[in-house]
């Protein structure tokens, strides 16, 4: 049981990296339109 427990963190690190990549993609997808909208809105002023 203890040996199996120590093998888990490697899988968790891979999952964490995947989660970070997914979060970065979501943030970029959400923020890019907002930045473009602000840029266009500032140009209209």
N, C-alpha and C. Protein backbone atom coordinates (compact mmCIF):
# COMPACT_ATOMS: atom_id res chain seq x y z
N UNK A 1 0.84 -1.21 0.00
CA UNK A 1 0.00 0.00 0.00
C UNK A 1 0.87 1.26 0.00
N UNK A 2 1.91 1.27 0.85
CA UNK A 2 2.77 2.46 0.93
C UNK A 2 3.50 2.65 -0.39
N UNK A 3 3.97 1.54 -1.00
CA UNK A 3 4.69 1.65 -2.27
C UNK A 3 3.77 2.21 -3.35
N UNK A 4 2.53 1.71 -3.39
CA UNK A 4 1.57 2.23 -4.37
C UNK A 4 1.30 3.71 -4.11
N UNK A 5 1.25 4.09 -2.84
CA UNK A 5 0.97 5.48 -2.49
C UNK A 5 2.07 6.40 -3.02
N UNK A 6 3.32 5.94 -2.95
CA UNK A 6 4.42 6.79 -3.42
C UNK A 6 4.48 6.87 -4.94
N UNK A 7 3.82 5.95 -5.63
CA UNK A 7 3.82 6.04 -7.09
C UNK A 7 2.80 7.05 -7.61
N UNK A 8 1.84 7.41 -6.77
CA UNK A 8 0.75 8.29 -7.21
C UNK A 8 1.23 9.69 -7.62
N UNK A 9 2.14 10.34 -6.88
CA UNK A 9 2.47 11.74 -7.20
C UNK A 9 2.91 11.96 -8.65
N UNK A 10 3.57 10.98 -9.28
CA UNK A 10 3.98 11.16 -10.67
C UNK A 10 2.76 11.37 -11.56
N UNK A 11 1.73 10.57 -11.37
CA UNK A 11 0.50 10.75 -12.15
C UNK A 11 -0.15 12.08 -11.82
N UNK A 12 -0.12 12.47 -10.55
CA UNK A 12 -0.72 13.74 -10.15
C UNK A 12 0.01 14.90 -10.81
N UNK A 13 1.35 14.82 -10.91
CA UNK A 13 2.10 15.90 -11.55
C UNK A 13 1.70 16.04 -13.01
N UNK A 14 1.50 14.91 -13.70
CA UNK A 14 1.07 14.97 -15.09
C UNK A 14 -0.32 15.59 -15.18
N UNK A 15 -1.21 15.20 -14.27
CA UNK A 15 -2.56 15.77 -14.27
C UNK A 15 -2.52 17.26 -13.98
N UNK A 16 -1.65 17.67 -13.06
CA UNK A 16 -1.54 19.09 -12.72
C UNK A 16 -1.07 19.88 -13.93
N UNK A 17 -0.09 19.35 -14.67
CA UNK A 17 0.39 20.05 -15.86
C UNK A 17 -0.72 20.15 -16.89
N UNK A 18 -1.51 19.09 -17.06
CA UNK A 18 -2.63 19.15 -18.00
C UNK A 18 -3.65 20.18 -17.55
N UNK A 19 -3.93 20.23 -16.25
CA UNK A 19 -4.89 21.21 -15.73
C UNK A 19 -4.38 22.62 -15.97
N UNK A 20 -3.07 22.85 -15.75
CA UNK A 20 -2.49 24.18 -15.97
C UNK A 20 -2.62 24.57 -17.43
N UNK A 21 -2.34 23.62 -18.34
CA UNK A 21 -2.45 23.90 -19.78
C UNK A 21 -3.90 24.22 -20.13
N UNK A 22 -4.84 23.44 -19.61
CA UNK A 22 -6.26 23.70 -19.89
C UNK A 22 -6.67 25.06 -19.33
N UNK A 23 -6.22 25.39 -18.12
CA UNK A 23 -6.56 26.69 -17.54
C UNK A 23 -5.98 27.82 -18.38
N UNK A 24 -4.73 27.65 -18.86
CA UNK A 24 -4.12 28.68 -19.69
C UNK A 24 -4.91 28.86 -20.98
N UNK A 25 -5.36 27.75 -21.58
CA UNK A 25 -6.16 27.84 -22.81
C UNK A 25 -7.48 28.56 -22.54
N UNK A 26 -8.15 28.21 -21.45
CA UNK A 26 -9.43 28.86 -21.12
C UNK A 26 -9.23 30.34 -20.86
N UNK A 27 -8.18 30.68 -20.11
CA UNK A 27 -7.91 32.09 -19.80
C UNK A 27 -7.63 32.86 -21.09
N UNK A 28 -6.83 32.28 -21.99
CA UNK A 28 -6.52 32.97 -23.24
C UNK A 28 -7.78 33.13 -24.08
N UNK A 29 -8.62 32.09 -24.12
CA UNK A 29 -9.86 32.16 -24.91
C UNK A 29 -10.79 33.23 -24.33
N UNK A 30 -10.79 33.38 -23.00
CA UNK A 30 -11.68 34.36 -22.38
C UNK A 30 -11.09 35.77 -22.47
N UNK A 31 -9.78 35.90 -22.24
CA UNK A 31 -9.18 37.23 -22.15
C UNK A 31 -8.95 37.87 -23.52
N UNK A 32 -8.59 37.08 -24.53
CA UNK A 32 -8.31 37.67 -25.85
C UNK A 32 -9.50 38.45 -26.39
N UNK A 33 -10.72 37.90 -26.41
CA UNK A 33 -11.86 38.70 -26.89
C UNK A 33 -12.07 39.96 -26.06
N UNK A 34 -11.84 39.88 -24.74
CA UNK A 34 -12.01 41.06 -23.89
C UNK A 34 -10.98 42.13 -24.26
N UNK A 35 -9.73 41.71 -24.48
CA UNK A 35 -8.69 42.68 -24.86
C UNK A 35 -9.00 43.29 -26.22
N UNK A 36 -9.44 42.46 -27.17
CA UNK A 36 -9.79 42.96 -28.51
C UNK A 36 -10.97 43.93 -28.40
N UNK A 37 -11.97 43.59 -27.60
CA UNK A 37 -13.14 44.46 -27.42
C UNK A 37 -12.72 45.79 -26.81
N UNK A 38 -11.85 45.76 -25.79
CA UNK A 38 -11.38 47.01 -25.18
C UNK A 38 -10.59 47.83 -26.19
N UNK A 39 -9.76 47.17 -27.00
CA UNK A 39 -8.96 47.87 -28.00
C UNK A 39 -9.86 48.57 -29.01
N UNK A 40 -10.87 47.86 -29.52
CA UNK A 40 -11.81 48.44 -30.49
C UNK A 40 -12.61 49.56 -29.83
N UNK A 41 -13.03 49.35 -28.58
CA UNK A 41 -13.81 50.36 -27.88
C UNK A 41 -12.99 51.63 -27.68
N UNK A 42 -11.68 51.48 -27.39
CA UNK A 42 -10.82 52.65 -27.24
C UNK A 42 -10.61 53.35 -28.58
N UNK A 43 -10.55 52.60 -29.68
CA UNK A 43 -10.39 53.22 -30.99
C UNK A 43 -11.64 54.03 -31.36
N UNK A 44 -12.82 53.53 -30.99
CA UNK A 44 -14.05 54.25 -31.31
C UNK A 44 -14.13 55.58 -30.55
N UNK A 45 -13.55 55.63 -29.36
CA UNK A 45 -13.51 56.91 -28.63
C UNK A 45 -12.58 57.86 -29.38
